[in-house]
Amino acid sequence: MGLFSNKISREEVKPGDHIYSWRTAYVYAHHGIYVGDDKVIHFTRGGGRQTETGTFLDKLVVNSSPNYPQCLVCKDNSSFKGDKVITSCLDCFLAGGNLYLYKYDVSWVAFLAKPRGGTCTLAPSDPPKDVLFRANFHLLIDGWFGDYDVTDNNCEDFAIYCKTGLLVCNKARFGTSGQVNSAVSVNFAALVLGFSGLPVVGFGAYCYGRLAGDVSLLASDVGMTARLRVDVIKVPVERLSAMLKKVI
């Protein structure tokens, strides 16, 4: 696994890892949390497959793995309508694609060195036990993570939440998904380029857009920390644990 590729082998993946696999000619990636024993917990819609709801970004994930045969167990687990956090075997999650590891606590240089978003974040990960607790909590409490939305509440948002406990509290903004924020930054950069006519200015706007959309805390020049996204909050594992005890 190098600077420009997050691809890993099955032998390298560990419980609590945020993993993903590219779909539809690398247009879109599906994300989840590896929980061990070749199992993955992930947020999905339409019986385990992403489906079209009409918007442009939705159409990017239509039938993301239509020809991959699910195993009998995963097929039975995916026979539902609507949006749900489910568990799948690693093979069905990958749907014939390669396995990639989402990186946390990367430097801003490494973050911007990636040619596209949705592969890493500047935010640090919480300990694996907290990650696994969050993932299993949402597996047990059906519908708690809300409705699947390609721009505001997708599979990458779910995996980032499990790793960090960070959620977007202002639904007027996009979610924490690096894929979505990268696409928005491209449009912003194109607009700036159109006004300025300078490629370097357009590239700068793209970099700023990606950094501003990231869920992380960013270090300032004076050694302090400040969150660029003030609409992001931390939901402690203890709060989820208390909720689970009330339900049970």
C-alpha atoms as a PDB file:
ATOM      1  CA  MET A   1       0.000   0.000   0.000  1.00  0.00           C
ATOM      2  CA  GLY A   2       1.665   3.219  -1.185  1.00  0.00           C
ATOM      3  CA  LEU A   3       1.001   6.940  -1.441  1.00  0.00           C
ATOM      4  CA  PHE A   4      -1.156   6.699  -4.547  1.00  0.00           C
ATOM      5  CA  SER A   5      -2.928   3.413  -3.830  1.00  0.00           C
ATOM      6  CA  ASN A   6      -4.757   2.196  -0.735  1.00  0.00           C
ATOM      7  CA  LYS A   7      -5.126  -1.339  -2.086  1.00  0.00           C
ATOM      8  CA  ILE A   8      -4.471  -4.070   0.481  1.00  0.00           C
ATOM      9  CA  SER A   9      -4.652  -7.857   0.658  1.00  0.00           C
ATOM     10  CA  ARG A  10      -7.216  -9.816   2.659  1.00  0.00           C
ATOM     11  CA  GLU A  11      -4.436 -10.879   5.016  1.00  0.00           C
ATOM     12  CA  GLU A  12      -3.780  -7.241   5.962  1.00  0.00           C
ATOM     13  CA  VAL A  13      -7.315  -6.172   6.870  1.00  0.00           C
ATOM     14  CA  LYS A  14      -8.126  -5.986  10.595  1.00  0.00           C
ATOM     15  CA  PRO A  15     -11.371  -5.675  12.615  1.00  0.00           C
ATOM     16  CA  GLY A  16     -12.350  -2.020  12.862  1.00  0.00           C
ATOM     17  CA  ASP A  17     -10.807  -1.082   9.496  1.00  0.00           C
ATOM     18  CA  HIS A  18     -12.735   1.199   7.146  1.00  0.00           C
ATOM     19  CA  ILE A  19     -12.589  -0.550   3.786  1.00  0.00           C
ATOM     20  CA  TYR A  20     -13.993   0.221   0.364  1.00  0.00           C
ATOM     21  CA  SER A  21     -14.227  -1.182  -3.154  1.00  0.00           C
ATOM     22  CA  TRP A  22     -14.629   0.721  -6.412  1.00  0.00           C
ATOM     23  CA  ARG A  23     -17.747   0.221  -8.520  1.00  0.00           C
ATOM     24  CA  THR A  24     -18.798   1.087 -12.074  1.00  0.00           C
ATOM     25  CA  ALA A  25     -15.413   1.744 -13.704  1.00  0.00           C
ATOM     26  CA  TYR A  26     -14.041   3.586 -10.638  1.00  0.00           C
ATOM     27  CA  VAL A  27     -16.854   6.156 -10.700  1.00  0.00           C
ATOM     28  CA  TYR A  28     -18.088   5.324  -7.204  1.00  0.00           C
ATOM     29  CA  ALA A  29     -16.815   3.334  -4.199  1.00  0.00           C
ATOM     30  CA  HIS A  30     -18.839   1.394  -1.657  1.00  0.00           C
ATOM     31  CA  HIS A  31     -17.644   1.705   1.965  1.00  0.00           C
ATOM     32  CA  GLY A  32     -18.002  -0.385   5.114  1.00  0.00           C
ATOM     33  CA  ILE A  33     -16.426  -1.469   8.400  1.00  0.00           C
ATOM     34  CA  TYR A  34     -14.636  -4.807   8.535  1.00  0.00           C
ATOM     35  CA  VAL A  35     -15.645  -6.620  11.735  1.00  0.00           C
ATOM     36  CA  GLY A  36     -13.640  -9.836  11.400  1.00  0.00           C
ATOM     37  CA  ASP A  37     -14.410 -13.393  10.243  1.00  0.00           C
ATOM     38  CA  ASP A  38     -14.756 -12.152   6.634  1.00  0.00           C
ATOM     39  CA  LYS A  39     -17.750  -9.975   7.598  1.00  0.00           C
ATOM     40  CA  VAL A  40     -18.434  -6.318   6.769  1.00  0.00           C
ATOM     41  CA  ILE A  41     -21.059  -3.963   8.237  1.00  0.00           C
ATOM     42  CA  HIS A  42     -22.186  -1.316   5.761  1.00  0.00           C
ATOM     43  CA  PHE A  43     -24.998   1.132   5.030  1.00  0.00           C
ATOM     44  CA  THR A  44     -26.916   0.481   1.826  1.00  0.00           C
ATOM     45  CA  ARG A  45     -30.234   0.796   0.044  1.00  0.00           C
ATOM     46  CA  GLY A  46     -32.472  -1.353  -2.078  1.00  0.00           C
ATOM     47  CA  GLY A  47     -31.606  -4.847  -0.907  1.00  0.00           C
ATOM     48  CA  GLY A  48     -27.882  -4.297  -0.598  1.00  0.00           C
ATOM     49  CA  ARG A  49     -27.497  -2.550  -3.959  1.00  0.00           C
ATOM     50  CA  GLN A  50     -27.470   1.189  -4.586  1.00  0.00           C
ATOM     51  CA  THR A  51     -30.435   2.207  -6.738  1.00  0.00           C
ATOM     52  CA  GLU A  52     -31.518   5.207  -8.748  1.00  0.00           C
ATOM     53  CA  THR A  53     -33.688   7.905  -7.196  1.00  0.00           C
ATOM     54  CA  GLY A  54     -33.366  10.549  -9.883  1.00  0.00           C
ATOM     55  CA  THR A  55     -30.563  12.977  -9.055  1.00  0.00           C
ATOM     56  CA  PHE A  56     -27.302  13.192 -11.023  1.00  0.00           C
ATOM     57  CA  LEU A  57     -25.196  11.799  -8.177  1.00  0.00           C
ATOM     58  CA  ASP A  58     -27.708   9.004  -7.614  1.00  0.00           C
ATOM     59  CA  LYS A  59     -27.290   7.955 -11.227  1.00  0.00           C
ATOM     60  CA  LEU A  60     -23.570   7.464 -10.651  1.00  0.00           C
ATOM     61  CA  VAL A  61     -24.327   4.546  -8.356  1.00  0.00           C
ATOM     62  CA  VAL A  62     -27.174   2.849 -10.234  1.00  0.00           C
ATOM     63  CA  ASN A  63     -26.787  -0.920 -10.224  1.00  0.00           C
ATOM     64  CA  SER A  64     -23.254  -0.659  -8.903  1.00  0.00           C
ATOM     65  CA  SER A  65     -22.674  -4.418  -9.066  1.00  0.00           C
ATOM     66  CA  PRO A  66     -25.604  -5.834 -11.063  1.00  0.00           C
ATOM     67  CA  ASN A  67     -23.827  -8.912 -12.409  1.00  0.00           C
ATOM     68  CA  TYR A  68     -22.131 -10.122  -9.252  1.00  0.00           C
ATOM     69  CA  PRO A  69     -23.904 -13.152  -7.731  1.00  0.00           C
ATOM     70  CA  GLN A  70     -24.425 -12.778  -3.981  1.00  0.00           C
ATOM     71  CA  CYS A  71     -24.012 -15.853  -1.797  1.00  0.00           C
ATOM     72  CA  LEU A  72     -27.180 -17.432  -0.414  1.00  0.00           C
ATOM     73  CA  VAL A  73     -26.651 -16.018   3.092  1.00  0.00           C
ATOM     74  CA  CYS A  74     -26.023 -12.430   1.920  1.00  0.00           C
ATOM     75  CA  LYS A  75     -28.835 -12.653  -0.596  1.00  0.00           C
ATOM     76  CA  ASP A  76     -31.271 -13.560   2.175  1.00  0.00           C
ATOM     77  CA  ASN A  77     -29.910 -10.782   4.424  1.00  0.00           C
ATOM     78  CA  SER A  78     -30.348  -8.250   1.605  1.00  0.00           C
ATOM     79  CA  SER A  79     -33.986  -9.044   0.813  1.00  0.00           C
ATOM     80  CA  PHE A  80     -35.457  -5.775   2.087  1.00  0.00           C
ATOM     81  CA  LYS A  81     -36.762  -2.495   0.761  1.00  0.00           C
ATOM     82  CA  GLY A  82     -35.553   0.929   1.784  1.00  0.00           C
ATOM     83  CA  ASP A  83     -32.324   1.871   3.579  1.00  0.00           C
ATOM     84  CA  LYS A  84     -30.519  -0.247   6.127  1.00  0.00           C
ATOM     85  CA  VAL A  85     -27.255  -1.060   7.878  1.00  0.00           C
ATOM     86  CA  ILE A  86     -26.518  -4.699   7.064  1.00  0.00           C
ATOM     87  CA  THR A  87     -23.768  -7.284   7.403  1.00  0.00           C
ATOM     88  CA  SER A  88     -22.322  -9.071   4.387  1.00  0.00           C
ATOM     89  CA  CYS A  89     -19.499 -11.453   3.717  1.00  0.00           C
ATOM     90  CA  LEU A  90     -16.349  -9.835   2.359  1.00  0.00           C
ATOM     91  CA  ASP A  91     -16.814 -11.387  -1.104  1.00  0.00           C
ATOM     92  CA  CYS A  92     -20.325  -9.988  -1.525  1.00  0.00           C
ATOM     93  CA  PHE A  93     -19.265  -6.594  -0.188  1.00  0.00           C
ATOM     94  CA  LEU A  94     -16.408  -6.394  -2.716  1.00  0.00           C
ATOM     95  CA  ALA A  95     -18.710  -7.610  -5.516  1.00  0.00           C
ATOM     96  CA  GLY A  96     -15.771  -8.759  -7.601  1.00  0.00           C
ATOM     97  CA  GLY A  97     -13.725  -5.609  -6.958  1.00  0.00           C
ATOM     98  CA  ASN A  98     -10.441  -5.069  -5.158  1.00  0.00           C
ATOM     99  CA  LEU A  99     -10.055  -4.337  -1.450  1.00  0.00           C
ATOM    100  CA  TYR A 100      -8.899  -0.864  -0.342  1.00  0.00           C
ATOM    101  CA  LEU A 101      -8.171   0.619   3.091  1.00  0.00           C
ATOM    102  CA  TYR A 102      -9.481   4.110   3.903  1.00  0.00           C
ATOM    103  CA  LYS A 103      -6.692   6.077   5.614  1.00  0.00           C
ATOM    104  CA  TYR A 104      -7.128   8.254   8.708  1.00  0.00           C
ATOM    105  CA  ASP A 105      -4.970  10.938  10.314  1.00  0.00           C
ATOM    106  CA  VAL A 106      -3.120  11.684   7.073  1.00  0.00           C
ATOM    107  CA  SER A 107      -1.202  14.934   6.532  1.00  0.00           C
ATOM    108  CA  TRP A 108      -2.779  17.631   4.393  1.00  0.00           C
ATOM    109  CA  VAL A 109      -0.003  17.015   1.833  1.00  0.00           C
ATOM    110  CA  ALA A 110      -0.913  13.330   1.571  1.00  0.00           C
ATOM    111  CA  PHE A 111      -4.611  14.268   1.552  1.00  0.00           C
ATOM    112  CA  LEU A 112      -4.230  16.590  -1.430  1.00  0.00           C
ATOM    113  CA  ALA A 113      -1.810  14.195  -3.179  1.00  0.00           C
ATOM    114  CA  LYS A 114      -4.706  11.813  -3.726  1.00  0.00           C
ATOM    115  CA  PRO A 115      -6.148  12.450  -7.195  1.00  0.00           C
ATOM    116  CA  ARG A 116      -9.707  12.218  -5.866  1.00  0.00           C
ATOM    117  CA  GLY A 117     -11.656  12.235  -2.632  1.00  0.00           C
ATOM    118  CA  GLY A 118     -13.193   9.336  -0.778  1.00  0.00           C
ATOM    119  CA  THR A 119      -9.946   7.542   0.099  1.00  0.00           C
ATOM    120  CA  CYS A 120      -8.624   9.289   3.226  1.00  0.00           C
ATOM    121  CA  THR A 121      -9.214  12.010   5.806  1.00  0.00           C
ATOM    122  CA  LEU A 122      -7.189  14.227   8.093  1.00  0.00           C
ATOM    123  CA  ALA A 123      -9.365  13.123  11.019  1.00  0.00           C
ATOM    124  CA  PRO A 124      -7.880  10.552  13.427  1.00  0.00           C
ATOM    125  CA  SER A 125      -9.661   7.271  14.046  1.00  0.00           C
ATOM    126  CA  ASP A 126     -10.985   6.195  17.416  1.00  0.00           C
ATOM    127  CA  PRO A 127      -9.836   2.852  18.924  1.00  0.00           C
ATOM    128  CA  PRO A 128     -11.084  -0.307  17.122  1.00  0.00           C
ATOM    129  CA  LYS A 129     -13.357  -1.262  20.047  1.00  0.00           C
ATOM    130  CA  ASP A 130     -15.263   2.037  19.671  1.00  0.00           C
ATOM    131  CA  VAL A 131     -15.444   1.605  15.896  1.00  0.00           C
ATOM    132  CA  LEU A 132     -16.859  -1.914  16.219  1.00  0.00           C
ATOM    133  CA  PHE A 133     -19.341  -0.813  18.887  1.00  0.00           C
ATOM    134  CA  ARG A 134     -20.748   1.945  16.664  1.00  0.00           C
ATOM    135  CA  ALA A 135     -21.010  -0.370  13.664  1.00  0.00           C
ATOM    136  CA  ASN A 136     -22.774  -3.108  15.639  1.00  0.00           C
ATOM    137  CA  PHE A 137     -25.038  -0.565  17.364  1.00  0.00           C
ATOM    138  CA  HIS A 138     -26.451   0.523  14.013  1.00  0.00           C
ATOM    139  CA  LEU A 139     -26.716  -3.074  12.887  1.00  0.00           C
ATOM    140  CA  LEU A 140     -28.896  -3.848  15.926  1.00  0.00           C
ATOM    141  CA  ILE A 141     -30.972  -0.631  15.958  1.00  0.00           C
ATOM    142  CA  ASP A 142     -32.646  -0.707  12.556  1.00  0.00           C
ATOM    143  CA  GLY A 143     -33.118   2.673  10.872  1.00  0.00           C
ATOM    144  CA  TRP A 144     -31.103   4.652  13.446  1.00  0.00           C
ATOM    145  CA  PHE A 145     -28.685   6.055  10.853  1.00  0.00           C
ATOM    146  CA  GLY A 146     -31.542   7.541   8.844  1.00  0.00           C
ATOM    147  CA  ASP A 147     -32.384   7.526   5.154  1.00  0.00           C
ATOM    148  CA  TYR A 148     -29.711   6.766   2.591  1.00  0.00           C
ATOM    149  CA  ASP A 149     -28.870   9.869   0.568  1.00  0.00           C
ATOM    150  CA  VAL A 150     -26.065   9.921  -1.986  1.00  0.00           C
ATOM    151  CA  THR A 151     -24.974  13.456  -1.124  1.00  0.00           C
ATOM    152  CA  ASP A 152     -25.847  13.831   2.562  1.00  0.00           C
ATOM    153  CA  ASN A 153     -25.926  10.397   4.201  1.00  0.00           C
ATOM    154  CA  ASN A 154     -24.235   7.603   2.279  1.00  0.00           C
ATOM    155  CA  CYS A 155     -22.101   4.529   2.957  1.00  0.00           C
ATOM    156  CA  GLU A 156     -18.910   6.574   3.325  1.00  0.00           C
ATOM    157  CA  ASP A 157     -20.610   8.880   5.837  1.00  0.00           C
ATOM    158  CA  PHE A 158     -21.580   5.809   7.857  1.00  0.00           C
ATOM    159  CA  ALA A 159     -18.075   4.327   7.835  1.00  0.00           C
ATOM    160  CA  ILE A 160     -16.485   7.680   8.780  1.00  0.00           C
ATOM    161  CA  TYR A 161     -18.969   8.021  11.633  1.00  0.00           C
ATOM    162  CA  CYS A 162     -18.110   4.535  12.913  1.00  0.00           C
ATOM    163  CA  LYS A 163     -14.390   5.407  12.830  1.00  0.00           C
ATOM    164  CA  THR A 164     -14.603   8.899  14.339  1.00  0.00           C
ATOM    165  CA  GLY A 165     -18.013   9.421  15.962  1.00  0.00           C
ATOM    166  CA  LEU A 166     -18.399  12.604  13.873  1.00  0.00           C
ATOM    167  CA  LEU A 167     -21.763  13.504  12.355  1.00  0.00           C
ATOM    168  CA  VAL A 168     -23.060  16.460  10.349  1.00  0.00           C
ATOM    169  CA  CYS A 169     -25.708  18.329  12.360  1.00  0.00           C
ATOM    170  CA  ASN A 170     -26.590  20.843   9.632  1.00  0.00           C
ATOM    171  CA  LYS A 171     -28.381  19.076   6.802  1.00  0.00           C
ATOM    172  CA  ALA A 172     -28.119  22.201   4.648  1.00  0.00           C
ATOM    173  CA  ARG A 173     -24.502  21.111   4.084  1.00  0.00           C
ATOM    174  CA  PHE A 174     -23.207  17.969   2.417  1.00  0.00           C
ATOM    175  CA  GLY A 175     -22.218  15.037   4.591  1.00  0.00           C
ATOM    176  CA  THR A 176     -18.720  13.864   5.448  1.00  0.00           C
ATOM    177  CA  SER A 177     -18.282  11.837   2.251  1.00  0.00           C
ATOM    178  CA  GLY A 178     -14.983  12.647   0.526  1.00  0.00           C
ATOM    179  CA  GLN A 179     -16.398  11.408  -2.773  1.00  0.00           C
ATOM    180  CA  VAL A 180     -19.210  13.957  -2.699  1.00  0.00           C
ATOM    181  CA  ASN A 181     -17.091  16.831  -1.390  1.00  0.00           C
ATOM    182  CA  SER A 182     -14.497  16.146  -4.090  1.00  0.00           C
ATOM    183  CA  ALA A 183     -17.165  16.323  -6.814  1.00  0.00           C
ATOM    184  CA  VAL A 184     -18.517  19.581  -5.354  1.00  0.00           C
ATOM    185  CA  SER A 185     -14.961  20.986  -5.217  1.00  0.00           C
ATOM    186  CA  VAL A 186     -14.464  20.211  -8.915  1.00  0.00           C
ATOM    187  CA  ASN A 187     -17.546  22.269  -9.785  1.00  0.00           C
ATOM    188  CA  PHE A 188     -16.403  25.085  -7.482  1.00  0.00           C
ATOM    189  CA  ALA A 189     -12.929  25.075  -9.078  1.00  0.00           C
ATOM    190  CA  ALA A 190     -14.432  25.164 -12.581  1.00  0.00           C
ATOM    191  CA  LEU A 191     -16.507  28.188 -11.602  1.00  0.00           C
ATOM    192  CA  VAL A 192     -13.469  29.981 -10.161  1.00  0.00           C
ATOM    193  CA  LEU A 193     -11.416  29.093 -13.244  1.00  0.00           C
ATOM    194  CA  GLY A 194     -14.140  30.514 -15.454  1.00  0.00           C
ATOM    195  CA  PHE A 195     -13.995  33.845 -13.629  1.00  0.00           C
ATOM    196  CA  SER A 196     -10.205  34.071 -13.258  1.00  0.00           C
ATOM    197  CA  GLY A 197      -8.980  32.248 -16.347  1.00  0.00           C
ATOM    198  CA  LEU A 198      -5.980  31.027 -14.310  1.00  0.00           C
ATOM    199  CA  PRO A 199      -5.540  27.243 -13.908  1.00  0.00           C
ATOM    200  CA  VAL A 200      -3.460  27.688 -10.747  1.00  0.00           C
ATOM    201  CA  VAL A 201      -6.301  29.645  -9.123  1.00  0.00           C
ATOM    202  CA  GLY A 202      -8.792  26.968 -10.141  1.00  0.00           C
ATOM    203  CA  PHE A 203      -6.567  24.243  -8.680  1.00  0.00           C
ATOM    204  CA  GLY A 204      -6.212  26.244  -5.474  1.00  0.00           C
ATOM    205  CA  ALA A 205      -9.988  26.502  -5.232  1.00  0.00           C
ATOM    206  CA  TYR A 206     -10.255  22.722  -5.674  1.00  0.00           C
ATOM    207  CA  CYS A 207      -7.732  22.082  -2.891  1.00  0.00           C
ATOM    208  CA  TYR A 208      -9.463  24.539  -0.558  1.00  0.00           C
ATOM    209  CA  GLY A 209     -12.850  22.973  -1.276  1.00  0.00           C
ATOM    210  CA  ARG A 210     -11.587  19.512  -0.402  1.00  0.00           C
ATOM    211  CA  LEU A 211      -9.934  20.653   2.822  1.00  0.00           C
ATOM    212  CA  ALA A 212     -12.961  22.708   3.861  1.00  0.00           C
ATOM    213  CA  GLY A 213     -15.263  19.755   3.246  1.00  0.00           C
ATOM    214  CA  ASP A 214     -13.179  17.301   5.260  1.00  0.00           C
ATOM    215  CA  VAL A 215     -14.586  16.236   8.623  1.00  0.00           C
ATOM    216  CA  SER A 216     -11.299  16.707  10.459  1.00  0.00           C
ATOM    217  CA  LEU A 217      -9.773  19.118  12.920  1.00  0.00           C
ATOM    218  CA  LEU A 218      -7.057  21.074  11.111  1.00  0.00           C
ATOM    219  CA  ALA A 219      -3.956  22.486  12.793  1.00  0.00           C
ATOM    220  CA  SER A 220      -3.439  26.219  12.351  1.00  0.00           C
ATOM    221  CA  ASP A 221      -0.138  28.004  11.857  1.00  0.00           C
ATOM    222  CA  VAL A 222       0.019  28.852  15.582  1.00  0.00           C
ATOM    223  CA  GLY A 223      -0.253  25.275  16.754  1.00  0.00           C
ATOM    224  CA  MET A 224      -3.912  25.465  17.795  1.00  0.00           C
ATOM    225  CA  THR A 225      -6.699  23.357  16.316  1.00  0.00           C
ATOM    226  CA  ALA A 226      -9.812  24.669  14.649  1.00  0.00           C
ATOM    227  CA  ARG A 227     -12.585  22.829  12.869  1.00  0.00           C
ATOM    228  CA  LEU A 228     -13.328  24.305   9.456  1.00  0.00           C
ATOM    229  CA  ARG A 229     -16.684  22.526   9.473  1.00  0.00           C
ATOM    230  CA  VAL A 230     -18.569  23.946  12.422  1.00  0.00           C
ATOM    231  CA  ASP A 231     -21.591  21.809  11.490  1.00  0.00           C
ATOM    232  CA  VAL A 232     -19.862  18.599  12.626  1.00  0.00           C
ATOM    233  CA  ILE A 233     -20.376  17.178  16.115  1.00  0.00           C
ATOM    234  CA  LYS A 234     -18.899  14.275  18.064  1.00  0.00           C
ATOM    235  CA  VAL A 235     -21.301  11.604  19.308  1.00  0.00           C
ATOM    236  CA  PRO A 236     -19.588   9.685  22.142  1.00  0.00           C
ATOM    237  CA  VAL A 237     -19.788   5.898  22.279  1.00  0.00           C
ATOM    238  CA  GLU A 238     -21.031   6.254  25.864  1.00  0.00           C
ATOM    239  CA  ARG A 239     -24.155   8.016  24.577  1.00  0.00           C
ATOM    240  CA  LEU A 240     -24.889   5.166  22.180  1.00  0.00           C
ATOM    241  CA  SER A 241     -24.214   2.630  24.921  1.00  0.00           C
ATOM    242  CA  ALA A 242     -26.747   4.323  27.201  1.00  0.00           C
ATOM    243  CA  MET A 243     -29.325   4.314  24.395  1.00  0.00           C
ATOM    244  CA  LEU A 244     -28.723   0.631  23.754  1.00  0.00           C
ATOM    245  CA  LYS A 245     -29.260  -0.214  27.418  1.00  0.00           C
ATOM    246  CA  LYS A 246     -32.615   1.630  27.382  1.00  0.00           C
ATOM    247  CA  VAL A 247     -33.738  -0.279  24.283  1.00  0.00           C
ATOM    248  CA  ILE A 248     -32.696  -3.666  25.662  1.00  0.00           C
END
